[in-house]
Amino acid sequence: MNEREILQAAMYNSYDVITHKRTIEDIEYDGMPVFVHFPDRDIDKVSLKVMVMYFIMAEEYEICKELTEEYELLFHEKMPPLLCECDKPHYHLRDDDIIECEVCKTQVL
């Protein structure tokens, strides 16, 4: 299995656990227990946003919708925009672990 396939398995496994479609035990039994978060802990905001961005790139919009709904349930807030609308965005990581566009100051993660 190559890195891309492992990442894909980790994304789908985490998605299944977060949305309560499968348990960690089910995934372990299936033989590919890789995740993008620690499945025995609550997922953090950044990891969940990264997952949504991954599924946007994969054009899995129903999954994006479900993960966005989970974000709002878990954190009691709307998910912020994940992309800015600048013509030439320039993203950087701030000291408080927020990724923002230096041009328009839109926070994306």
Protein backbone atom coordinates (compact mmCIF):
# COMPACT_ATOMS: atom_id res chain seq x y z
CA MET A 1 0.00 0.00 0.00
CA ASN A 2 1.44 3.39 -0.95
CA GLU A 3 1.28 6.65 1.07
CA ARG A 4 -1.73 7.98 -0.85
CA GLU A 5 -3.72 4.82 -0.12
CA ILE A 6 -2.75 4.91 3.57
CA LEU A 7 -3.82 8.57 3.80
CA GLN A 8 -7.11 7.76 2.10
CA ALA A 9 -7.76 4.86 4.49
CA ALA A 10 -6.92 7.09 7.48
CA MET A 11 -9.30 9.81 6.30
CA TYR A 12 -12.18 7.41 5.74
CA ASN A 13 -11.53 5.57 9.01
CA SER A 14 -11.54 8.81 10.98
CA TYR A 15 -14.65 9.95 9.13
CA ASP A 16 -16.41 6.69 10.02
CA VAL A 17 -15.48 6.98 13.71
CA ILE A 18 -16.36 10.69 13.98
CA THR A 19 -19.76 10.20 12.32
CA HIS A 20 -20.42 7.00 14.29
CA LYS A 21 -20.72 4.82 11.18
CA ARG A 22 -18.15 2.30 12.47
CA THR A 23 -16.39 1.67 15.75
CA ILE A 24 -12.64 1.59 16.27
CA GLU A 25 -13.00 -2.14 16.90
CA ASP A 26 -14.75 -2.64 13.53
CA ILE A 27 -11.92 -0.84 11.77
CA GLU A 28 -9.25 -2.79 13.66
CA TYR A 29 -11.02 -6.04 12.73
CA ASP A 30 -10.97 -5.03 9.06
CA GLY A 31 -7.18 -4.87 9.28
CA MET A 32 -6.33 -1.24 8.44
CA PRO A 33 -6.47 0.71 11.74
CA VAL A 34 -4.98 4.01 10.59
CA PHE A 35 -6.55 7.35 11.48
CA VAL A 36 -5.84 11.06 11.05
CA HIS A 37 -6.75 11.67 14.69
CA PHE A 38 -6.41 9.75 17.94
CA PRO A 39 -9.69 7.82 17.79
CA ASP A 40 -9.85 7.26 21.54
CA ARG A 41 -9.92 11.05 22.09
CA ASP A 42 -12.15 13.82 20.80
CA ILE A 43 -10.98 15.25 17.51
CA ASP A 44 -9.57 18.77 17.54
CA LYS A 45 -10.75 21.62 15.33
CA VAL A 46 -7.72 21.70 13.05
CA SER A 47 -7.82 17.96 12.32
CA LEU A 48 -11.51 18.13 11.47
CA LYS A 49 -10.96 21.11 9.16
CA VAL A 50 -8.09 19.32 7.43
CA MET A 51 -10.39 16.35 6.88
CA VAL A 52 -13.03 18.60 5.31
CA MET A 53 -10.40 20.12 3.01
CA TYR A 54 -9.25 16.62 2.01
CA PHE A 55 -12.79 15.57 1.12
CA ILE A 56 -13.38 18.83 -0.79
CA MET A 57 -10.35 17.96 -2.92
CA ALA A 58 -11.76 14.43 -3.37
CA GLU A 59 -15.12 15.95 -4.37
CA GLU A 60 -16.87 14.02 -1.58
CA TYR A 61 -19.30 16.80 -0.77
CA GLU A 62 -21.76 14.71 1.25
CA ILE A 63 -18.92 13.72 3.56
CA CYS A 64 -17.91 17.40 3.83
CA LYS A 65 -21.47 18.25 4.84
CA GLU A 66 -21.53 15.54 7.52
CA LEU A 67 -18.15 16.57 8.93
CA THR A 68 -19.19 20.23 8.97
CA GLU A 69 -22.31 19.27 10.92
CA GLU A 70 -20.16 17.27 13.37
CA TYR A 71 -17.86 20.29 13.78
CA GLU A 72 -20.81 22.49 14.67
CA LEU A 73 -22.18 19.92 17.14
CA LEU A 74 -18.81 19.34 18.81
CA PHE A 75 -17.62 22.93 19.04
CA HIS A 76 -20.93 24.86 19.15
CA GLU A 77 -19.84 27.24 16.40
CA LYS A 78 -20.02 27.54 12.64
CA MET A 79 -17.06 26.18 10.75
CA PRO A 80 -15.03 29.12 9.40
CA PRO A 81 -14.26 29.38 5.68
CA LEU A 82 -11.61 26.95 4.53
CA LEU A 83 -10.44 29.00 1.56
CA CYS A 84 -10.05 32.72 1.05
CA GLU A 85 -11.24 34.54 -2.03
CA CYS A 86 -8.08 36.48 -2.87
CA ASP A 87 -6.73 36.46 -6.40
CA LYS A 88 -3.32 35.47 -5.07
CA PRO A 89 -3.69 34.05 -1.56
CA HIS A 90 -0.63 33.68 0.58
CA TYR A 91 -1.25 31.41 3.56
CA HIS A 92 0.85 31.38 6.69
CA LEU A 93 0.69 29.80 10.14
CA ARG A 94 0.23 32.28 12.97
CA ASP A 95 1.73 31.81 16.43
CA ASP A 96 -1.70 30.68 17.73
CA ASP A 97 -1.79 27.78 15.20
CA ILE A 98 -4.31 29.47 12.92
CA ILE A 99 -3.65 29.44 9.17
CA GLU A 100 -4.64 32.69 7.54
CA CYS A 101 -4.19 34.51 4.26
CA GLU A 102 -1.68 37.32 4.68
CA VAL A 103 -3.41 39.30 1.93
CA CYS A 104 -7.02 39.42 3.18
CA LYS A 105 -6.54 38.07 6.76
CA THR A 106 -9.14 35.30 6.22
CA GLN A 107 -8.60 32.51 8.72
CA VAL A 108 -8.79 29.16 7.00
CA LEU A 109 -7.70 26.75 9.73
